[in-house]
């Protein structure tokens, strides 16, 4: 399912040419498990990792064994992120008739200023007002 980027009223003719938004779908919490990875002559190993669509920090753990008396372990992290990240903070639960405010944080992970449009769509709920933080 691919959606199109919404553009302002003055650019409606360009909407058909906007590049599609890639919808994230792979939310596997385990990025990779490699039971055996051979090393080169210098004792170094490389593993290619294609991260799932989760925007999170992964803990990387490695354990090495050579023979019965040589071993070692190491740990590091990989942070998966996108150039623009949206973090909504909805309530944990709602009941019919409840009202709430939905805070949304936009994080620009680039070095450049971005101008973005934010849209809200609700299913089985009514949007009563919109407020932009300045």
C-alpha atoms as a PDB file:
ATOM      1  CA  UNK A   1       0.000   0.000   0.000  1.00  0.00           C
ATOM      2  CA  UNK A   2       1.675   3.215  -1.125  1.00  0.00           C
ATOM      3  CA  UNK A   3       0.391   6.653  -0.303  1.00  0.00           C
ATOM      4  CA  UNK A   4       1.346   9.901  -2.023  1.00  0.00           C
ATOM      5  CA  UNK A   5       2.871  12.949  -0.366  1.00  0.00           C
ATOM      6  CA  UNK A   6       0.291  15.687   0.113  1.00  0.00           C
ATOM      7  CA  UNK A   7       1.335  19.027  -1.313  1.00  0.00           C
ATOM      8  CA  UNK A   8      -0.032  22.502  -0.706  1.00  0.00           C
ATOM      9  CA  UNK A   9      -2.952  23.877  -2.733  1.00  0.00           C
ATOM     10  CA  UNK A  10      -0.660  25.817  -5.081  1.00  0.00           C
ATOM     11  CA  UNK A  11       1.173  22.603  -6.061  1.00  0.00           C
ATOM     12  CA  UNK A  12      -1.770  20.266  -6.619  1.00  0.00           C
ATOM     13  CA  UNK A  13      -0.646  19.602 -10.188  1.00  0.00           C
ATOM     14  CA  UNK A  14       2.598  18.145  -8.844  1.00  0.00           C
ATOM     15  CA  UNK A  15       0.849  15.722  -6.472  1.00  0.00           C
ATOM     16  CA  UNK A  16       0.701  12.983  -9.111  1.00  0.00           C
ATOM     17  CA  UNK A  17       4.478  13.269  -9.603  1.00  0.00           C
ATOM     18  CA  UNK A  18       5.355  13.147  -5.905  1.00  0.00           C
ATOM     19  CA  UNK A  19       7.408  10.138  -4.930  1.00  0.00           C
ATOM     20  CA  UNK A  20       5.463   7.467  -3.035  1.00  0.00           C
ATOM     21  CA  UNK A  21       5.808   7.197   0.718  1.00  0.00           C
ATOM     22  CA  UNK A  22       7.251   3.823   1.688  1.00  0.00           C
ATOM     23  CA  UNK A  23       4.993   2.224   4.261  1.00  0.00           C
ATOM     24  CA  UNK A  24       6.927   0.440   6.985  1.00  0.00           C
ATOM     25  CA  UNK A  25       5.801  -3.158   7.480  1.00  0.00           C
ATOM     26  CA  UNK A  26       8.664  -5.291   8.890  1.00  0.00           C
ATOM     27  CA  UNK A  27       8.590  -4.812  12.675  1.00  0.00           C
ATOM     28  CA  UNK A  28      10.607  -7.884  13.626  1.00  0.00           C
ATOM     29  CA  UNK A  29      12.334  -7.156  16.977  1.00  0.00           C
ATOM     30  CA  UNK A  30      15.262  -9.433  16.052  1.00  0.00           C
ATOM     31  CA  UNK A  31      17.401  -7.827  13.337  1.00  0.00           C
ATOM     32  CA  UNK A  32      19.784 -10.766  12.865  1.00  0.00           C
ATOM     33  CA  UNK A  33      20.931 -13.993  14.470  1.00  0.00           C
ATOM     34  CA  UNK A  34      24.103 -15.488  12.997  1.00  0.00           C
ATOM     35  CA  UNK A  35      25.069 -18.691  14.789  1.00  0.00           C
ATOM     36  CA  UNK A  36      28.396 -19.093  12.967  1.00  0.00           C
ATOM     37  CA  UNK A  37      30.464 -16.387  11.280  1.00  0.00           C
ATOM     38  CA  UNK A  38      33.955 -17.290  10.006  1.00  0.00           C
ATOM     39  CA  UNK A  39      36.839 -14.864  10.519  1.00  0.00           C
ATOM     40  CA  UNK A  40      39.542 -13.835   8.057  1.00  0.00           C
ATOM     41  CA  UNK A  41      43.308 -14.310   8.524  1.00  0.00           C
ATOM     42  CA  UNK A  42      43.424 -11.290  10.883  1.00  0.00           C
ATOM     43  CA  UNK A  43      40.637 -12.712  13.059  1.00  0.00           C
ATOM     44  CA  UNK A  44      38.031 -10.194  11.884  1.00  0.00           C
ATOM     45  CA  UNK A  45      34.489 -11.017  10.807  1.00  0.00           C
ATOM     46  CA  UNK A  46      31.916  -8.956   8.945  1.00  0.00           C
ATOM     47  CA  UNK A  47      28.165  -9.457   8.930  1.00  0.00           C
ATOM     48  CA  UNK A  48      25.757  -7.487   6.732  1.00  0.00           C
ATOM     49  CA  UNK A  49      22.553  -6.546   8.535  1.00  0.00           C
ATOM     50  CA  UNK A  50      19.349  -5.349   6.879  1.00  0.00           C
ATOM     51  CA  UNK A  51      17.503  -3.688   9.736  1.00  0.00           C
ATOM     52  CA  UNK A  52      13.745  -4.139  10.142  1.00  0.00           C
ATOM     53  CA  UNK A  53      11.504  -1.052   9.904  1.00  0.00           C
ATOM     54  CA  UNK A  54      11.557  -0.462  13.682  1.00  0.00           C
ATOM     55  CA  UNK A  55      12.956   2.955  14.563  1.00  0.00           C
ATOM     56  CA  UNK A  56      14.868   1.895  17.617  1.00  0.00           C
ATOM     57  CA  UNK A  57      18.258   1.038  19.050  1.00  0.00           C
ATOM     58  CA  UNK A  58      19.508  -2.512  18.584  1.00  0.00           C
ATOM     59  CA  UNK A  59      22.005  -4.109  20.922  1.00  0.00           C
ATOM     60  CA  UNK A  60      24.760  -5.961  19.061  1.00  0.00           C
ATOM     61  CA  UNK A  61      26.377  -8.803  20.987  1.00  0.00           C
ATOM     62  CA  UNK A  62      29.184 -11.012  19.723  1.00  0.00           C
ATOM     63  CA  UNK A  63      30.768 -14.047  21.334  1.00  0.00           C
ATOM     64  CA  UNK A  64      33.880 -15.628  19.819  1.00  0.00           C
ATOM     65  CA  UNK A  65      35.311 -19.058  20.524  1.00  0.00           C
ATOM     66  CA  UNK A  66      38.490 -20.632  19.147  1.00  0.00           C
ATOM     67  CA  UNK A  67      39.265 -24.109  20.373  1.00  0.00           C
ATOM     68  CA  UNK A  68      38.579 -24.915  23.993  1.00  0.00           C
ATOM     69  CA  UNK A  69      40.626 -22.194  25.687  1.00  0.00           C
ATOM     70  CA  UNK A  70      40.237 -18.984  23.664  1.00  0.00           C
ATOM     71  CA  UNK A  71      37.103 -16.922  23.871  1.00  0.00           C
ATOM     72  CA  UNK A  72      35.883 -13.339  23.968  1.00  0.00           C
ATOM     73  CA  UNK A  73      32.770 -11.191  23.925  1.00  0.00           C
ATOM     74  CA  UNK A  74      31.851  -7.679  22.839  1.00  0.00           C
ATOM     75  CA  UNK A  75      28.807  -5.436  22.761  1.00  0.00           C
ATOM     76  CA  UNK A  76      27.763  -2.286  20.908  1.00  0.00           C
ATOM     77  CA  UNK A  77      24.604  -0.602  19.551  1.00  0.00           C
ATOM     78  CA  UNK A  78      23.098   0.336  16.195  1.00  0.00           C
ATOM     79  CA  UNK A  79      20.443   3.061  16.036  1.00  0.00           C
ATOM     80  CA  UNK A  80      17.876   2.765  13.241  1.00  0.00           C
ATOM     81  CA  UNK A  81      16.278   6.052  12.230  1.00  0.00           C
ATOM     82  CA  UNK A  82      14.855   7.955   9.271  1.00  0.00           C
ATOM     83  CA  UNK A  83      15.509  11.550   8.129  1.00  0.00           C
ATOM     84  CA  UNK A  84      12.104  12.653   9.481  1.00  0.00           C
ATOM     85  CA  UNK A  85      10.552  10.783  12.376  1.00  0.00           C
ATOM     86  CA  UNK A  86       7.052  11.288  13.780  1.00  0.00           C
ATOM     87  CA  UNK A  87       6.363  10.242  17.372  1.00  0.00           C
ATOM     88  CA  UNK A  88       2.690  10.385  18.382  1.00  0.00           C
ATOM     89  CA  UNK A  89       1.902   9.872  22.072  1.00  0.00           C
ATOM     90  CA  UNK A  90      -1.678   8.601  22.269  1.00  0.00           C
ATOM     91  CA  UNK A  91      -3.285   7.502  25.550  1.00  0.00           C
ATOM     92  CA  UNK A  92      -2.857   3.824  26.400  1.00  0.00           C
ATOM     93  CA  UNK A  93      -6.600   3.252  26.226  1.00  0.00           C
ATOM     94  CA  UNK A  94      -9.823   5.127  25.500  1.00  0.00           C
ATOM     95  CA  UNK A  95     -13.521   4.473  26.007  1.00  0.00           C
ATOM     96  CA  UNK A  96     -16.509   5.645  23.949  1.00  0.00           C
ATOM     97  CA  UNK A  97     -17.195   9.320  24.604  1.00  0.00           C
ATOM     98  CA  UNK A  98     -13.666  10.122  25.815  1.00  0.00           C
ATOM     99  CA  UNK A  99     -11.832  13.177  24.529  1.00  0.00           C
ATOM    100  CA  UNK A 100      -8.064  13.620  24.464  1.00  0.00           C
ATOM    101  CA  UNK A 101      -5.234  15.647  23.008  1.00  0.00           C
ATOM    102  CA  UNK A 102      -2.771  13.824  20.801  1.00  0.00           C
ATOM    103  CA  UNK A 103       0.722  15.281  21.144  1.00  0.00           C
ATOM    104  CA  UNK A 104       2.948  14.591  18.142  1.00  0.00           C
ATOM    105  CA  UNK A 105       6.688  15.249  18.025  1.00  0.00           C
ATOM    106  CA  UNK A 106       8.419  15.675  14.663  1.00  0.00           C
ATOM    107  CA  UNK A 107      12.156  14.958  14.723  1.00  0.00           C
ATOM    108  CA  UNK A 108      14.358  16.249  11.914  1.00  0.00           C
ATOM    109  CA  UNK A 109      17.374  13.917  11.875  1.00  0.00           C
ATOM    110  CA  UNK A 110      19.123  15.832   9.071  1.00  0.00           C
ATOM    111  CA  UNK A 111      21.414  18.862   9.102  1.00  0.00           C
ATOM    112  CA  UNK A 112      19.002  20.862   6.919  1.00  0.00           C
ATOM    113  CA  UNK A 113      15.812  22.706   7.821  1.00  0.00           C
ATOM    114  CA  UNK A 114      12.700  20.875   6.602  1.00  0.00           C
ATOM    115  CA  UNK A 115       9.264  22.248   5.855  1.00  0.00           C
ATOM    116  CA  UNK A 116       6.684  19.517   6.377  1.00  0.00           C
ATOM    117  CA  UNK A 117       2.913  19.209   6.249  1.00  0.00           C
ATOM    118  CA  UNK A 118       1.228  17.138   8.926  1.00  0.00           C
ATOM    119  CA  UNK A 119      -2.134  15.491   8.284  1.00  0.00           C
ATOM    120  CA  UNK A 120      -4.408  13.599  10.657  1.00  0.00           C
ATOM    121  CA  UNK A 121      -6.915  10.915   9.722  1.00  0.00           C
ATOM    122  CA  UNK A 122      -9.222   9.191  12.192  1.00  0.00           C
ATOM    123  CA  UNK A 123     -11.294   6.042  11.925  1.00  0.00           C
ATOM    124  CA  UNK A 124     -14.144   5.597  14.409  1.00  0.00           C
ATOM    125  CA  UNK A 125     -13.232   8.935  16.046  1.00  0.00           C
ATOM    126  CA  UNK A 126     -13.955  12.631  15.498  1.00  0.00           C
ATOM    127  CA  UNK A 127     -11.289  15.291  15.133  1.00  0.00           C
ATOM    128  CA  UNK A 128     -12.564  18.388  16.899  1.00  0.00           C
ATOM    129  CA  UNK A 129      -9.701  20.898  16.618  1.00  0.00           C
ATOM    130  CA  UNK A 130      -6.146  21.307  15.443  1.00  0.00           C
ATOM    131  CA  UNK A 131      -3.454  23.342  17.114  1.00  0.00           C
ATOM    132  CA  UNK A 132       0.068  23.950  15.892  1.00  0.00           C
ATOM    133  CA  UNK A 133       2.885  24.511  18.318  1.00  0.00           C
ATOM    134  CA  UNK A 134       4.952  27.541  17.461  1.00  0.00           C
END
